[in-house]
N, C-alpha and C. Protein backbone atom coordinates (compact mmCIF):
# COMPACT_ATOMS: atom_id res chain seq x y z
N MET A 1 122.91 99.29 94.87
CA MET A 1 122.78 98.66 95.68
C MET A 1 121.25 98.35 97.12
N ALA A 2 121.16 97.10 96.43
CA ALA A 2 120.33 96.87 97.34
C ALA A 2 119.89 96.66 98.49
N GLU A 3 119.26 97.38 99.60
CA GLU A 3 118.77 97.11 101.11
C GLU A 3 118.62 96.61 101.92
N THR A 4 118.84 96.28 103.26
CA THR A 4 119.39 95.25 103.95
C THR A 4 119.13 95.59 105.02
N LEU A 5 118.89 94.63 106.24
CA LEU A 5 118.14 94.76 107.52
C LEU A 5 118.85 94.33 108.47
N ASP A 6 119.35 94.94 109.94
CA ASP A 6 119.90 94.84 110.67
C ASP A 6 119.59 93.63 111.21
N LEU A 7 120.16 93.01 111.58
CA LEU A 7 119.96 91.00 112.09
C LEU A 7 119.58 90.95 113.21
N ASP A 8 119.59 92.13 113.60
CA ASP A 8 120.08 91.74 115.08
C ASP A 8 119.14 92.69 115.66
N GLU A 9 118.74 93.91 114.85
CA GLU A 9 117.27 94.66 114.99
C GLU A 9 116.44 93.82 114.98
N VAL A 10 116.23 93.15 114.33
CA VAL A 10 114.80 92.92 113.04
C VAL A 10 115.16 91.59 115.07
N ALA A 11 115.44 90.35 115.06
CA ALA A 11 115.89 89.83 115.66
C ALA A 11 115.27 90.52 117.83
N ALA A 12 116.19 92.01 117.39
CA ALA A 12 115.50 93.17 118.80
C ALA A 12 113.70 92.89 119.10
N VAL A 13 113.48 92.63 117.50
CA VAL A 13 111.71 93.92 117.51
C VAL A 13 111.20 92.48 117.08
N LEU A 14 111.34 91.07 116.75
CA LEU A 14 111.07 90.02 117.21
C LEU A 14 110.73 89.78 118.93
N ARG A 15 112.09 89.62 119.01
CA ARG A 15 111.58 89.43 120.62
C ARG A 15 111.34 90.40 121.20
N GLU A 16 110.78 91.43 121.14
CA GLU A 16 109.53 92.52 121.84
C GLU A 16 108.14 92.05 121.77
N ARG A 17 107.92 91.56 120.38
CA ARG A 17 106.17 91.42 119.59
C ARG A 17 105.93 90.62 120.58
N ARG A 18 107.12 89.33 120.58
CA ARG A 18 107.74 88.40 121.35
C ARG A 18 106.53 88.11 122.60
N ARG A 19 106.92 89.24 123.34
CA ARG A 19 106.75 89.44 124.86
C ARG A 19 105.57 90.52 125.02
N GLU A 20 105.32 91.26 124.11
CA GLU A 20 104.11 92.28 124.02
C GLU A 20 103.31 90.97 123.86
N ALA A 21 102.84 89.79 122.65
CA ALA A 21 102.25 89.35 122.55
C ALA A 21 101.66 87.80 123.74
N LEU A 22 102.36 87.20 124.53
CA LEU A 22 102.05 86.60 125.79
C LEU A 22 101.98 87.78 126.23
N GLU A 23 102.46 88.66 126.95
CA GLU A 23 102.03 90.06 127.92
C GLU A 23 100.01 90.02 127.49
N ARG A 24 100.03 90.13 126.06
CA ARG A 24 97.89 90.50 126.05
C ARG A 24 97.79 88.72 125.84
N LEU A 25 98.18 87.82 125.61
CA LEU A 25 97.92 86.07 125.61
C LEU A 25 97.51 86.48 128.18
N ALA A 26 98.43 86.58 128.30
CA ALA A 26 98.32 86.64 129.99
C ALA A 26 97.07 87.04 130.50
N GLY A 27 97.53 88.78 130.08
CA GLY A 27 95.87 89.12 130.15
C GLY A 27 94.62 88.77 129.57
N THR A 28 94.17 88.10 128.27
CA THR A 28 92.97 88.15 127.87
C THR A 28 92.58 87.24 128.70
N GLY A 29 93.86 86.14 129.48
CA GLY A 29 93.13 85.27 129.99
C GLY A 29 92.53 85.67 131.20
N ALA A 30 93.65 85.95 131.45
CA ALA A 30 92.88 86.59 133.42
C ALA A 30 91.30 87.13 133.38
N GLU A 31 91.50 87.48 131.96
CA GLU A 31 89.91 88.26 131.92
C GLU A 31 89.18 87.00 131.40
N ARG A 32 89.40 85.99 130.34
CA ARG A 32 88.50 85.35 130.84
C ARG A 32 88.26 84.18 132.11
N ASP A 33 88.76 83.95 132.60
CA ASP A 33 88.86 83.75 133.78
C ASP A 33 88.29 84.31 135.20
N ALA A 34 87.79 85.52 134.65
CA ALA A 34 87.31 86.69 135.33
C ALA A 34 85.80 86.24 134.72
N VAL A 35 85.27 86.17 133.39
CA VAL A 35 83.98 86.11 133.38
C VAL A 35 83.26 85.10 133.00
N VAL A 36 84.39 84.25 133.40
CA VAL A 36 83.96 82.53 133.46
C VAL A 36 83.15 82.25 134.94
N ALA A 37 83.93 83.29 136.55
CA ALA A 37 84.47 83.27 137.44
C ALA A 37 82.41 84.09 138.22
N ALA A 38 82.46 85.17 136.88
CA ALA A 38 81.03 85.26 136.96
C ALA A 38 80.17 85.00 136.54
N SER A 39 80.62 84.04 135.11
CA SER A 39 79.54 83.49 135.42
C SER A 39 78.75 82.06 136.42
N ARG A 40 79.45 82.10 136.97
CA ARG A 40 79.64 80.89 138.13
C ARG A 40 78.70 81.58 139.20
N GLU A 41 79.09 82.56 139.54
CA GLU A 41 78.37 83.12 140.76
C GLU A 41 77.28 82.92 140.28
N GLN A 42 76.60 83.36 139.15
CA GLN A 42 75.30 83.60 139.20
C GLN A 42 74.13 82.89 139.30
N VAL A 43 72.66 83.35 139.43
CA VAL A 43 71.52 82.23 140.11
C VAL A 43 70.99 81.63 138.79
N ALA A 44 71.48 80.92 138.88
CA ALA A 44 70.75 79.51 137.19
C ALA A 44 68.96 80.33 137.78
N ASP A 45 68.61 80.10 136.47
CA ASP A 45 66.58 80.01 136.58
C ASP A 45 66.50 79.17 135.46
N ASP A 46 65.34 79.02 135.53
CA ASP A 46 64.89 78.13 134.24
C ASP A 46 64.51 78.69 133.11
N GLU A 47 63.48 80.17 133.71
CA GLU A 47 64.84 81.21 132.79
C GLU A 47 64.83 81.48 131.72
N HIS A 48 64.56 82.33 129.57
CA HIS A 48 66.12 82.53 129.76
C HIS A 48 66.52 83.66 130.27
N ASP A 49 67.65 83.47 130.86
CA ASP A 49 69.24 85.36 131.41
C ASP A 49 69.25 85.42 130.04
N PRO A 50 69.08 86.83 129.28
CA PRO A 50 69.64 87.68 128.57
C PRO A 50 71.29 87.86 128.93
N GLU A 51 71.53 88.01 130.69
CA GLU A 51 72.46 88.23 130.68
C GLU A 51 73.42 87.23 130.20
N ASP A 52 73.19 86.31 130.01
CA ASP A 52 74.32 84.16 129.39
C ASP A 52 74.98 84.76 128.01
N ALA A 53 73.50 84.61 127.45
CA ALA A 53 74.04 84.94 125.96
C ALA A 53 75.47 86.17 126.20
N THR A 54 75.10 87.15 126.62
CA THR A 54 76.45 87.99 126.87
C THR A 54 77.77 87.60 127.60
N ILE A 55 77.49 87.05 128.16
CA ILE A 55 78.56 86.16 129.40
C ILE A 55 79.56 84.81 128.37
N ALA A 56 77.97 84.89 127.63
CA ALA A 56 78.42 82.92 126.44
C ALA A 56 79.16 84.46 125.15
N TYR A 57 79.57 85.34 125.44
CA TYR A 57 79.61 86.06 123.66
C TYR A 57 81.12 86.16 124.06
N GLU A 58 81.35 87.14 125.06
CA GLU A 58 82.42 87.34 126.13
C GLU A 58 83.51 86.63 125.28
N ARG A 59 83.22 85.20 126.24
CA ARG A 59 84.00 84.24 126.14
C ARG A 59 84.66 83.60 124.84
N ARG A 60 83.84 83.20 124.20
CA ARG A 60 84.17 83.23 122.64
C ARG A 60 84.64 84.36 122.27
N LEU A 61 84.61 85.97 122.26
CA LEU A 61 85.14 86.68 121.94
C LEU A 61 87.13 86.89 122.52
N LEU A 62 86.81 86.47 123.57
CA LEU A 62 87.89 85.62 124.81
C LEU A 62 88.89 85.29 123.98
N ASP A 63 88.38 84.36 123.75
CA ASP A 63 88.77 82.90 123.20
C ASP A 63 89.12 83.13 121.54
N ALA A 64 88.70 83.41 120.93
CA ALA A 64 89.41 84.33 119.33
C ALA A 64 90.36 84.93 120.00
N LEU A 65 90.29 86.05 120.16
CA LEU A 65 91.02 87.12 121.04
C LEU A 65 93.08 86.23 121.66
N ALA A 66 92.72 85.17 121.97
CA ALA A 66 93.73 84.18 122.90
C ALA A 66 94.31 83.70 121.87
N HIS A 67 93.21 83.26 120.71
CA HIS A 67 93.58 82.41 119.83
C HIS A 67 94.29 82.74 118.32
N ASP A 68 93.75 84.02 118.48
CA ASP A 68 95.02 85.23 117.58
C ASP A 68 96.49 85.72 118.09
N VAL A 69 96.13 85.69 119.00
CA VAL A 69 97.54 85.88 120.17
C VAL A 69 98.29 84.50 120.18
N ARG A 70 97.95 83.69 120.12
CA ARG A 70 98.72 82.56 119.88
C ARG A 70 99.74 82.37 118.11
N GLU A 71 98.98 82.52 117.24
CA GLU A 71 98.86 82.30 116.28
C GLU A 71 100.45 82.95 116.10
N ARG A 72 100.10 84.76 116.45
CA ARG A 72 101.15 85.70 116.56
C ARG A 72 102.61 85.23 116.76
N VAL A 73 101.93 84.63 118.28
CA VAL A 73 103.07 84.12 118.98
C VAL A 73 103.76 83.14 118.10
N ALA A 74 103.38 82.07 117.61
CA ALA A 74 103.58 81.26 116.64
C ALA A 74 104.90 81.75 115.36
N GLU A 75 104.10 82.52 115.33
CA GLU A 75 104.60 83.44 113.80
C GLU A 75 106.30 83.72 113.61
N VAL A 76 105.85 85.17 115.19
CA VAL A 76 107.89 85.42 115.92
C VAL A 76 107.83 84.29 116.12
N ASP A 77 107.61 83.25 116.68
CA ASP A 77 109.08 81.79 117.24
C ASP A 77 109.12 81.65 114.85
N ALA A 78 108.40 81.49 114.52
CA ALA A 78 109.31 81.23 113.35
C ALA A 78 109.96 81.69 113.04
N ALA A 79 110.00 82.84 112.05
CA ALA A 79 110.57 83.81 112.24
C ALA A 79 112.23 83.85 113.00
N LEU A 80 112.00 84.03 114.30
CA LEU A 80 113.46 83.30 115.28
C LEU A 80 114.04 82.77 114.52
N ASP A 81 113.48 81.40 114.28
CA ASP A 81 114.34 80.30 113.82
C ASP A 81 113.97 80.86 112.79
N ARG A 82 113.41 80.91 111.75
CA ARG A 82 114.39 80.83 109.68
C ARG A 82 115.69 82.51 110.14
N LEU A 83 115.28 83.50 111.69
CA LEU A 83 116.82 84.21 111.31
C LEU A 83 117.68 83.26 112.66
N GLU A 84 118.06 82.66 113.43
CA GLU A 84 118.84 81.27 113.32
C GLU A 84 119.04 79.93 112.28
N ARG A 85 118.63 79.59 111.53
CA ARG A 85 119.05 78.85 110.76
C ARG A 85 119.46 79.39 109.28
N GLY A 86 119.63 81.39 109.48
CA GLY A 86 120.29 81.88 107.93
C GLY A 86 119.12 81.60 107.57
N THR A 87 118.07 81.55 107.17
CA THR A 87 117.15 81.86 105.94
C THR A 87 115.53 82.79 106.53
N TYR A 88 116.12 83.72 107.21
CA TYR A 88 115.08 84.98 107.32
C TYR A 88 115.29 85.64 105.69
N GLY A 89 113.64 85.79 105.68
CA GLY A 89 113.95 87.34 104.21
C GLY A 89 113.38 86.11 102.78
N THR A 90 114.05 84.90 103.22
CA THR A 90 113.29 84.45 101.99
C THR A 90 112.32 83.36 102.30
N CYS A 91 111.36 83.60 101.09
CA CYS A 91 110.21 83.08 100.71
C CYS A 91 110.24 81.59 101.16
N THR A 92 108.90 81.02 102.36
CA THR A 92 108.66 79.51 102.60
C THR A 92 108.62 79.40 101.44
N ARG A 93 107.59 79.80 100.32
CA ARG A 93 107.11 79.31 99.35
C ARG A 93 107.89 78.85 97.87
N CYS A 94 107.94 79.98 97.45
CA CYS A 94 109.04 80.03 96.18
C CYS A 94 109.97 80.35 96.10
N HIS A 95 110.73 80.42 97.19
CA HIS A 95 112.17 80.55 97.96
C HIS A 95 113.32 81.69 97.46
N ARG A 96 112.03 82.86 96.49
CA ARG A 96 112.33 84.35 96.78
C ARG A 96 112.73 85.55 98.10
N PRO A 97 113.67 85.55 98.25
CA PRO A 97 113.60 87.19 98.49
C PRO A 97 112.46 87.10 99.20
N VAL A 98 112.81 87.95 100.36
CA VAL A 98 111.31 88.88 100.67
C VAL A 98 111.98 90.20 100.57
N PRO A 99 110.70 90.71 99.75
CA PRO A 99 111.09 92.44 99.97
C PRO A 99 111.41 91.94 101.42
N VAL A 100 113.02 93.81 101.51
CA VAL A 100 113.29 94.83 103.49
C VAL A 100 112.08 95.32 103.09
N GLU A 101 111.00 95.44 102.42
CA GLU A 101 109.72 96.88 103.31
C GLU A 101 109.00 95.88 103.41
N ARG A 102 108.56 94.31 103.39
CA ARG A 102 107.30 94.29 103.72
C ARG A 102 108.09 93.72 104.31
N LEU A 103 109.32 93.13 105.25
CA LEU A 103 109.39 92.80 106.57
C LEU A 103 110.25 94.28 106.93
N ARG A 104 110.26 94.72 106.68
CA ARG A 104 110.45 96.58 107.62
C ARG A 104 109.19 96.94 108.32
N ALA A 105 108.19 95.76 107.56
CA ALA A 105 106.66 96.45 107.42
C ALA A 105 105.37 95.42 108.86
N LEU A 106 106.32 94.40 108.28
CA LEU A 106 105.63 92.89 108.79
C LEU A 106 107.31 91.16 109.32
N PRO A 107 107.98 91.86 110.06
CA PRO A 107 108.53 91.64 110.99
C PRO A 107 108.56 90.33 111.03
N SER A 108 107.76 88.81 110.68
CA SER A 108 107.37 88.14 110.69
C SER A 108 107.08 87.17 109.44
N ALA A 109 106.95 87.62 107.94
CA ALA A 109 106.70 88.05 107.60
C ALA A 109 107.27 86.13 106.57
N ALA A 110 106.68 85.01 106.44
CA ALA A 110 107.66 84.92 105.64
C ALA A 110 107.70 83.70 104.48
N THR A 111 107.06 84.82 103.98
CA THR A 111 106.79 84.55 102.69
C THR A 111 106.41 86.05 101.98
N CYS A 112 106.86 86.36 100.60
CA CYS A 112 106.99 87.89 99.32
C CYS A 112 106.00 88.11 98.86
N VAL A 113 105.74 89.27 98.82
CA VAL A 113 104.15 89.67 98.39
C VAL A 113 103.47 88.76 97.62
N THR A 114 103.82 87.90 96.19
CA THR A 114 102.99 87.05 95.71
C THR A 114 103.05 86.11 96.25
N CYS A 115 103.41 85.46 97.04
CA CYS A 115 102.99 84.41 97.58
C CYS A 115 101.58 84.10 98.47
N ALA A 116 101.87 85.34 99.31
CA ALA A 116 101.24 85.70 100.42
C ALA A 116 99.14 86.19 99.88
N SER A 117 99.53 86.81 98.67
CA SER A 117 98.77 87.29 98.09
C SER A 117 97.68 85.80 97.57
N ARG A 118 98.67 84.51 97.06
CA ARG A 118 97.78 83.56 96.49
C ARG A 118 96.52 82.71 97.65
């Protein structure tokens, strides 16, 4: 007998992951705002300021982290949408079933292992 998933449990896990991601996004945004505010408080001079490179790096890092979290939220939202439409667990590329083991490990997975490795 094929192993199945409790779709209510999957939805709860996805909603929790979404909540956590949005929390991280808010924290990252607040951190970036603090970095930007701190950079405004610095006295600008004509000489190269070694701290300026660090602040720019921190901003880029926080922007990249926020981008990654937004992508994670979008993946979770897409998985919740597939749950609602009744297509959760079906590969969005080849339309074959996504293995339950993959969905347990990565509940927002949209593709089977074969399509994910292409």
